[in-house]
Amino acid sequence: MNKKITKFGVQHQLSPIKSASMKKFLFTILVFAFTLQGLWAQDAQFSQFAAAPLEVNPAMSGVFNGKYRANINYRSQWGSILGEDAFKTAAASFDMRFTGLDAGDYFSVNVNLLRDEAGAAKVSLTKGNIGMAFHKKMWDGQFHRTPQYLIVGAQAGFGQYALNANNLWFTSQYNANTVSVDYNAPTNEPWVTNAAPHFNFNVGALWYSILGEDFSIYAGGALQHLNKPNVSFYDDNTSLQQKYTGLLGGQIPLTREISLMPGIVAMKQGPAFQSIFGGHIRYSNHDWWEIALRAGAFMRISNKLDQGMHTDALIFSSNFDVERWTFGVSYDINVSDLKVSTNRRGAFEVSMSYTQPNNGRRHEIQCPKF
């Protein structure tokens, strides 16, 4: 298999050399046929978007019922077909909230890290951000017992794209006479395997209202890569395109123990659009040592550039809450044009979150559940 790096990603061309795994080869062709051009300019995504809040919106910093919070996320996609070359994404974040100058106001600080790696070329992104957010408490004169907050947040940090060229070979290295590849021959490719580190800046806003016990609503939006940094492997200016994100959701009580938690997130980055929507049903025992279980389903839709919208995957997920801890697991069932090659197997994802209580003052601030 002949792979050629371009500024738009990895292109694959047939060669007389027989691949050890034709199925893997054909699947790789399909992946790049149905994914977006401008591969370097697209962000990694989590199906459990609410479990990676700082990847979605910097204004979600500090929106939890406690003193500080730590999150860990891991995602593996196409592992059933690509094996060790599966697309892998890992993220970690930490945020802490502090009391503001006015009663009811808060501010928070945060840090989040992400590592994304894809394919045989090990195309990777390593990034880190630090940020802060301000939480302003608002009151409605008519419904003065309904707490509402408006939050604005910002993040700044650095990232770097890289790849492993040792796993690739190029047209100039192929010898038609011997039907073999000379890996010592020059590639004649005008690119580098490590793009220059880039600075990144994100902003966002979030509003939420607590309407009652297990009854809330939230809405927000974010603009990421505000400065459109250069992330090219070439000596040119290939920018990381700005990403616009909107989210909406809440919690609706059905009984004292059972509630419905709908949610939707929509993202647009350059020509690419994607949305995940659905919901969980949550059961809680409402004891001081709270134990809760959530289960639900989501759908992801996206565009195929000039071919319109299509359903990409069905996502089944569940969460288990044990007082300070939340554990989540989800699986993407592929329903796109790749379903034949993948046998409908998509991505496996796990998450874990820990929240430190407020020194016994459990309800110091009311926040929605995500």
Protein backbone atom coordinates (compact mmCIF):
# COMPACT_ATOMS: atom_id res chain seq x y z
CA MET A 1 0.00 0.00 0.00
CA ASN A 2 1.37 3.38 -1.01
CA LYS A 3 0.60 6.25 1.33
CA LYS A 4 1.32 9.81 0.45
CA ILE A 5 1.10 12.68 2.92
CA THR A 6 -0.51 15.84 1.66
CA LYS A 7 -1.56 18.95 3.52
CA PHE A 8 -5.10 17.59 3.39
CA GLY A 9 -4.29 14.29 5.05
CA VAL A 10 -3.17 10.84 3.94
CA GLN A 11 -3.92 9.73 0.41
CA HIS A 12 -3.75 6.04 -0.49
CA GLN A 13 -2.79 4.64 -3.89
CA LEU A 14 -2.76 1.04 -5.11
CA SER A 15 0.62 -0.55 -5.85
CA PRO A 16 1.71 -4.00 -7.12
CA ILE A 17 2.79 -4.88 -3.55
CA LYS A 18 0.32 -7.21 -1.87
CA SER A 19 -0.97 -6.01 1.47
CA ALA A 20 -0.92 -8.34 4.46
CA SER A 21 -4.48 -7.36 5.18
CA MET A 22 -6.62 -6.44 2.18
CA LYS A 23 -9.63 -5.86 4.42
CA LYS A 24 -7.68 -3.34 6.47
CA PHE A 25 -6.47 -1.66 3.27
CA LEU A 26 -9.96 -1.35 1.80
CA PHE A 27 -11.33 -0.05 5.06
CA THR A 28 -8.64 2.63 5.20
CA ILE A 29 -9.59 3.70 1.69
CA LEU A 30 -13.22 4.01 2.77
CA VAL A 31 -12.39 5.92 5.93
CA PHE A 32 -10.63 8.64 3.98
CA ALA A 33 -13.27 8.61 1.27
CA PHE A 34 -16.05 9.36 3.74
CA THR A 35 -14.24 11.56 6.23
CA LEU A 36 -13.64 15.23 5.69
CA GLN A 37 -10.89 16.84 3.70
CA GLY A 38 -8.66 19.09 5.72
CA LEU A 39 -8.00 16.29 8.22
CA TRP A 40 -5.52 18.34 10.19
CA ALA A 41 -8.10 21.10 10.63
CA GLN A 42 -10.73 19.02 12.45
CA ASP A 43 -10.95 18.54 16.21
CA ALA A 44 -11.22 15.27 18.09
CA GLN A 45 -14.70 14.54 19.46
CA PHE A 46 -16.21 12.56 22.33
CA SER A 47 -19.62 10.92 22.08
CA GLN A 48 -20.00 11.52 25.83
CA PHE A 49 -19.74 15.26 25.25
CA ALA A 50 -21.10 16.21 28.69
CA ALA A 51 -18.39 14.07 30.34
CA ALA A 52 -15.68 16.23 28.70
CA PRO A 53 -17.10 19.69 29.48
CA LEU A 54 -13.94 21.73 28.94
CA GLU A 55 -13.54 20.26 25.45
CA VAL A 56 -17.03 21.51 24.59
CA ASN A 57 -17.21 24.95 26.16
CA PRO A 58 -14.77 26.85 28.43
CA ALA A 59 -17.80 28.35 30.22
CA MET A 60 -18.64 24.90 31.62
CA SER A 61 -15.72 25.35 34.01
CA GLY A 62 -16.85 25.25 37.63
CA VAL A 63 -20.42 24.15 36.85
CA PHE A 64 -20.68 21.38 39.43
CA ASN A 65 -21.87 20.98 42.99
CA GLY A 66 -18.59 20.89 44.89
CA LYS A 67 -15.19 22.49 45.48
CA TYR A 68 -13.20 20.99 42.62
CA ARG A 69 -13.64 18.36 39.90
CA ALA A 70 -11.37 16.05 37.91
CA ASN A 71 -12.35 14.28 34.65
CA ILE A 72 -10.72 11.55 32.57
CA ASN A 73 -11.93 10.43 29.11
CA TYR A 74 -10.77 7.75 26.68
CA ARG A 75 -12.08 6.84 23.23
CA SER A 76 -11.03 4.13 20.76
CA GLN A 77 -12.52 4.04 17.25
CA TRP A 78 -12.21 1.47 14.43
CA GLY A 79 -10.21 -0.87 16.67
CA SER A 80 -12.08 -3.92 15.36
CA ILE A 81 -10.70 -3.21 11.87
CA LEU A 82 -7.48 -1.27 12.34
CA GLY A 83 -6.21 -3.06 15.46
CA GLU A 84 -3.24 -1.20 16.92
CA ASP A 85 -3.76 1.57 14.36
CA ALA A 86 -7.17 2.48 15.79
CA PHE A 87 -8.04 6.13 16.32
CA LYS A 88 -7.43 6.86 20.03
CA THR A 89 -8.26 9.97 22.04
CA ALA A 90 -7.50 10.59 25.72
CA ALA A 91 -8.30 13.70 27.73
CA ALA A 92 -7.99 14.89 31.32
CA SER A 93 -9.20 18.06 33.00
CA PHE A 94 -9.30 19.74 36.41
CA ASP A 95 -11.36 22.75 37.48
CA MET A 96 -11.90 24.51 40.81
CA ARG A 97 -14.45 27.13 41.87
CA PHE A 98 -13.93 30.06 44.26
CA THR A 99 -16.32 32.53 45.91
CA GLY A 100 -16.61 35.86 44.12
CA LEU A 101 -16.77 39.39 45.51
CA ASP A 102 -20.57 39.62 45.45
CA ALA A 103 -22.84 37.18 47.25
CA GLY A 104 -23.74 34.28 44.99
CA ASP A 105 -21.03 35.01 42.41
CA TYR A 106 -18.14 32.67 41.68
CA PHE A 107 -15.13 32.33 39.46
CA SER A 108 -13.31 29.19 38.45
CA VAL A 109 -9.95 28.14 37.03
CA ASN A 110 -9.21 25.07 34.95
CA VAL A 111 -6.66 23.08 33.00
CA ASN A 112 -7.33 20.45 30.33
CA LEU A 113 -5.06 18.15 28.33
CA LEU A 114 -5.75 16.06 25.24
CA ARG A 115 -3.85 13.50 23.15
CA ASP A 116 -5.31 12.29 19.85
CA GLU A 117 -3.69 9.66 17.60
CA ALA A 118 -4.95 8.18 14.34
CA GLY A 119 -3.96 5.52 11.82
CA ALA A 120 -0.77 3.77 10.82
CA ALA A 121 1.00 7.11 10.41
CA LYS A 122 0.22 7.87 14.06
CA VAL A 123 -1.04 11.32 13.13
CA SER A 124 -1.30 12.95 16.53
CA LEU A 125 -2.32 16.10 18.34
CA THR A 126 -1.02 16.93 21.80
CA LYS A 127 -2.48 20.02 23.44
CA GLY A 128 -2.98 21.72 26.76
CA ASN A 129 -5.10 24.68 27.85
CA ILE A 130 -5.55 26.74 30.96
CA GLY A 131 -8.61 28.90 31.50
CA MET A 132 -10.95 30.69 33.84
CA ALA A 133 -14.64 31.54 34.01
CA PHE A 134 -16.83 34.03 35.87
CA HIS A 135 -20.21 32.92 37.26
CA LYS A 136 -22.70 35.76 37.73
CA LYS A 137 -25.84 35.00 39.72
CA MET A 138 -28.97 36.56 38.28
CA TRP A 139 -32.40 36.94 39.85
CA ASP A 140 -35.78 37.41 38.21
CA GLY A 141 -37.99 39.75 40.22
CA GLN A 142 -41.11 37.68 39.58
CA PHE A 143 -39.48 34.30 40.14
CA HIS A 144 -36.94 35.39 42.74
CA ARG A 145 -36.59 31.88 44.16
CA THR A 146 -35.33 30.51 40.86
CA PRO A 147 -31.54 30.76 40.78
CA GLN A 148 -30.05 31.57 37.41
CA TYR A 149 -26.42 31.93 36.41
CA LEU A 150 -24.69 33.47 33.42
CA ILE A 151 -21.13 32.25 32.89
CA VAL A 152 -18.43 33.51 30.55
CA GLY A 153 -15.15 31.65 30.12
CA ALA A 154 -11.94 31.65 28.13
CA GLN A 155 -9.06 29.24 27.51
CA ALA A 156 -5.58 29.67 26.12
CA GLY A 157 -2.91 27.09 25.42
CA PHE A 158 -0.55 25.37 23.02
CA GLY A 159 -0.77 22.32 20.78
CA GLN A 160 1.31 20.43 18.23
CA TYR A 161 0.54 18.02 15.39
CA ALA A 162 2.95 15.22 14.51
CA LEU A 163 3.19 11.93 12.63
CA ASN A 164 5.45 8.88 12.37
CA ALA A 165 6.87 8.70 8.83
CA ASN A 166 8.60 5.37 9.54
CA ASN A 167 5.29 3.62 8.98
CA LEU A 168 4.82 5.18 5.53
CA TRP A 169 6.37 4.77 2.10
CA PHE A 170 6.11 6.98 -0.94
CA THR A 171 6.07 6.80 -4.71
CA SER A 172 9.71 7.83 -5.03
CA GLN A 173 10.73 4.89 -2.80
CA TYR A 174 8.98 2.24 -4.91
CA ASN A 175 11.13 0.22 -7.32
CA ALA A 176 8.97 -1.21 -10.12
CA ASN A 177 11.76 -3.52 -11.30
CA THR A 178 12.06 -5.36 -8.00
CA VAL A 179 8.44 -4.74 -6.96
CA SER A 180 9.70 -3.56 -3.58
CA VAL A 181 10.13 -0.47 -1.49
CA ASP A 182 13.50 1.07 -0.65
CA TYR A 183 12.88 2.76 2.69
CA ASN A 184 16.35 4.33 2.55
CA ALA A 185 15.52 6.24 -0.63
CA PRO A 186 14.51 9.91 -0.27
CA THR A 187 10.79 10.61 -0.06
CA ASN A 188 11.05 13.87 -2.07
CA GLU A 189 8.21 15.22 0.07
CA PRO A 190 8.43 18.90 1.13
CA TRP A 191 6.96 18.39 4.59
CA VAL A 192 8.06 17.89 8.17
CA THR A 193 6.90 15.22 10.62
CA ASN A 194 6.34 17.73 13.41
CA ALA A 195 4.34 20.85 12.75
CA ALA A 196 5.38 23.93 14.66
CA PRO A 197 3.70 24.33 18.09
CA HIS A 198 0.70 26.60 17.82
CA PHE A 199 -1.08 28.94 20.23
CA ASN A 200 -4.83 28.53 20.63
CA PHE A 201 -7.59 30.69 22.16
CA ASN A 202 -11.19 29.70 22.99
CA VAL A 203 -14.16 31.60 24.46
CA GLY A 204 -17.65 30.56 25.53
CA ALA A 205 -20.80 31.44 27.46
CA LEU A 206 -23.37 29.37 29.38
CA TRP A 207 -26.71 30.16 31.01
CA TYR A 208 -28.64 27.87 33.33
CA SER A 209 -31.61 28.01 35.65
CA ILE A 210 -32.58 25.72 38.52
CA LEU A 211 -36.37 25.40 38.46
CA GLY A 212 -36.69 22.84 41.26
CA GLU A 213 -35.33 19.57 42.56
CA ASP A 214 -34.01 17.60 39.58
CA PHE A 215 -35.48 20.30 37.34
CA SER A 216 -33.11 22.51 35.33
CA ILE A 217 -32.35 23.93 31.91
CA TYR A 218 -29.12 25.12 30.33
CA ALA A 219 -27.97 26.63 27.03
CA GLY A 220 -24.61 27.82 25.79
CA GLY A 221 -22.23 28.39 22.95
CA ALA A 222 -18.50 28.53 22.29
CA LEU A 223 -16.06 29.76 19.67
CA GLN A 224 -12.85 27.76 19.57
CA HIS A 225 -9.61 28.49 17.70
CA LEU A 226 -10.49 32.15 17.66
CA ASN A 227 -7.01 33.03 16.38
CA LYS A 228 -7.03 30.33 13.62
CA PRO A 229 -3.46 29.06 14.27
CA ASN A 230 -1.21 27.66 11.56
CA VAL A 231 -0.97 23.85 11.91
CA SER A 232 0.60 22.95 8.56
CA PHE A 233 3.17 20.20 7.97
CA TYR A 234 4.26 22.26 4.97
CA ASP A 235 5.85 25.64 4.60
CA ASP A 236 2.51 27.29 4.04
CA ASN A 237 -0.40 28.66 6.07
CA THR A 238 -2.92 25.87 6.70
CA SER A 239 -5.00 27.20 9.57
CA LEU A 240 -6.92 25.32 12.21
CA GLN A 241 -10.41 26.41 11.33
CA GLN A 242 -12.66 28.11 13.86
CA LYS A 243 -15.24 25.85 15.49
CA TYR A 244 -18.68 27.04 16.57
CA THR A 245 -20.44 24.97 19.24
CA GLY A 246 -23.95 25.23 20.64
CA LEU A 247 -25.50 23.09 23.37
CA LEU A 248 -28.90 22.82 25.00
CA GLY A 249 -30.30 20.48 27.62
CA GLY A 250 -31.66 20.02 31.09
CA GLN A 251 -33.31 17.69 33.54
CA ILE A 252 -37.06 17.07 33.82
CA PRO A 253 -38.45 15.20 36.86
CA LEU A 254 -40.97 12.46 36.14
CA THR A 255 -41.20 11.18 39.73
CA ARG A 256 -39.14 11.94 42.82
CA GLU A 257 -36.65 9.20 41.87
CA ILE A 258 -36.81 9.26 38.06
CA SER A 259 -35.99 12.11 35.70
CA LEU A 260 -35.39 12.65 31.99
CA MET A 261 -32.13 14.32 30.87
CA PRO A 262 -32.29 15.42 27.19
CA GLY A 263 -29.30 17.07 25.54
CA ILE A 264 -28.00 18.23 22.19
CA VAL A 265 -24.69 19.62 20.98
CA ALA A 266 -24.04 20.96 17.48
CA MET A 267 -20.62 21.82 16.05
CA LYS A 268 -19.53 23.52 12.84
CA GLN A 269 -15.88 23.73 11.83
CA GLY A 270 -15.13 24.99 8.36
CA PRO A 271 -17.28 22.96 5.94
CA ALA A 272 -17.88 20.22 8.53
CA PHE A 273 -21.04 19.99 10.64
CA GLN A 274 -21.90 17.46 13.33
CA SER A 275 -24.61 17.12 15.94
CA ILE A 276 -25.24 14.64 18.77
CA PHE A 277 -28.67 14.56 20.38
CA GLY A 278 -30.69 12.25 22.61
CA GLY A 279 -31.11 11.73 26.32
CA HIS A 280 -30.78 9.67 29.49
CA ILE A 281 -33.29 8.38 31.98
CA ARG A 282 -31.87 8.86 35.49
CA TYR A 283 -32.80 7.03 38.67
CA SER A 284 -31.59 8.36 42.05
CA ASN A 285 -32.19 7.15 45.60
CA HIS A 286 -31.90 10.76 46.88
CA ASP A 287 -30.06 9.68 50.00
CA TRP A 288 -27.17 11.67 51.46
CA TRP A 289 -24.91 8.95 50.06
CA GLU A 290 -26.48 9.31 46.67
CA ILE A 291 -26.45 6.46 44.18
CA ALA A 292 -27.84 7.10 40.71
CA LEU A 293 -27.98 5.25 37.41
CA ARG A 294 -28.45 6.74 33.95
CA ALA A 295 -29.08 4.97 30.67
CA GLY A 296 -29.99 6.30 27.27
CA ALA A 297 -29.32 6.66 23.58
CA PHE A 298 -28.08 9.39 21.27
CA MET A 299 -27.77 9.88 17.53
CA ARG A 300 -24.92 11.54 15.69
CA ILE A 301 -25.54 13.18 12.33
CA SER A 302 -23.03 14.92 10.11
CA ASN A 303 -22.64 16.29 6.61
CA LYS A 304 -20.70 14.78 3.74
CA LEU A 305 -19.67 18.18 2.41
CA ASP A 306 -21.66 18.59 -0.81
CA GLN A 307 -23.70 15.39 -0.33
CA GLY A 308 -26.00 16.62 2.43
CA MET A 309 -26.67 15.29 5.92
CA HIS A 310 -26.54 11.64 6.96
CA THR A 311 -26.81 9.59 10.14
CA ASP A 312 -23.34 8.58 11.25
CA ALA A 313 -23.91 6.51 14.40
CA LEU A 314 -26.27 5.44 17.15
CA ILE A 315 -24.75 5.89 20.60
CA PHE A 316 -25.81 3.85 23.61
CA SER A 317 -24.48 5.10 26.92
CA SER A 318 -24.89 4.67 30.67
CA ASN A 319 -23.55 6.40 33.77
CA PHE A 320 -23.23 5.25 37.35
CA ASP A 321 -23.08 7.95 40.07
CA VAL A 322 -21.81 7.08 43.53
CA GLU A 323 -21.79 10.28 45.60
CA ARG A 324 -18.49 11.92 44.54
CA TRP A 325 -17.79 9.63 41.57
CA THR A 326 -19.34 9.27 38.14
CA PHE A 327 -18.41 6.45 35.76
CA GLY A 328 -19.59 6.45 32.16
CA VAL A 329 -19.41 4.02 29.25
CA SER A 330 -20.74 4.29 25.69
CA TYR A 331 -20.56 2.49 22.37
CA ASP A 332 -21.10 3.89 18.88
CA ILE A 333 -22.92 1.62 16.44
CA ASN A 334 -21.92 2.68 12.96
CA VAL A 335 -24.86 3.21 10.59
CA SER A 336 -23.04 5.24 7.90
CA ASP A 337 -21.77 4.00 4.53
CA LEU A 338 -18.90 2.33 6.39
CA LYS A 339 -21.21 -0.08 8.21
CA VAL A 340 -20.48 -2.96 5.82
CA SER A 341 -16.71 -2.71 6.27
CA THR A 342 -16.95 -2.19 10.03
CA ASN A 343 -19.77 -4.68 10.65
CA ARG A 344 -21.42 -1.69 12.38
CA ARG A 345 -18.69 -1.58 15.03
CA GLY A 346 -17.69 2.00 15.78
CA ALA A 347 -16.17 3.52 18.91
CA PHE A 348 -15.85 2.48 22.55
CA GLU A 349 -15.64 5.24 25.14
CA VAL A 350 -15.21 5.45 28.92
CA SER A 351 -15.20 8.39 31.32
CA MET A 352 -14.64 9.01 35.00
CA SER A 353 -15.26 12.10 37.13
CA TYR A 354 -14.52 12.95 40.76
CA THR A 355 -16.08 15.94 42.57
CA GLN A 356 -14.84 17.11 45.96
CA PRO A 357 -17.70 18.32 48.23
CA ASN A 358 -17.74 21.78 49.82
CA ASN A 359 -16.53 20.86 53.32
CA GLY A 360 -19.86 19.37 54.29
CA ARG A 361 -21.91 22.21 52.75
CA ARG A 362 -23.28 19.95 50.10
CA HIS A 363 -25.66 22.43 48.48
CA GLU A 364 -23.54 25.58 48.57
CA ILE A 365 -24.41 26.18 44.92
CA GLN A 366 -27.05 24.64 42.72
CA CYS A 367 -25.93 23.38 39.35
CA PRO A 368 -27.57 21.41 36.56
CA LYS A 369 -26.57 17.82 35.92
CA PHE A 370 -25.04 17.06 32.52
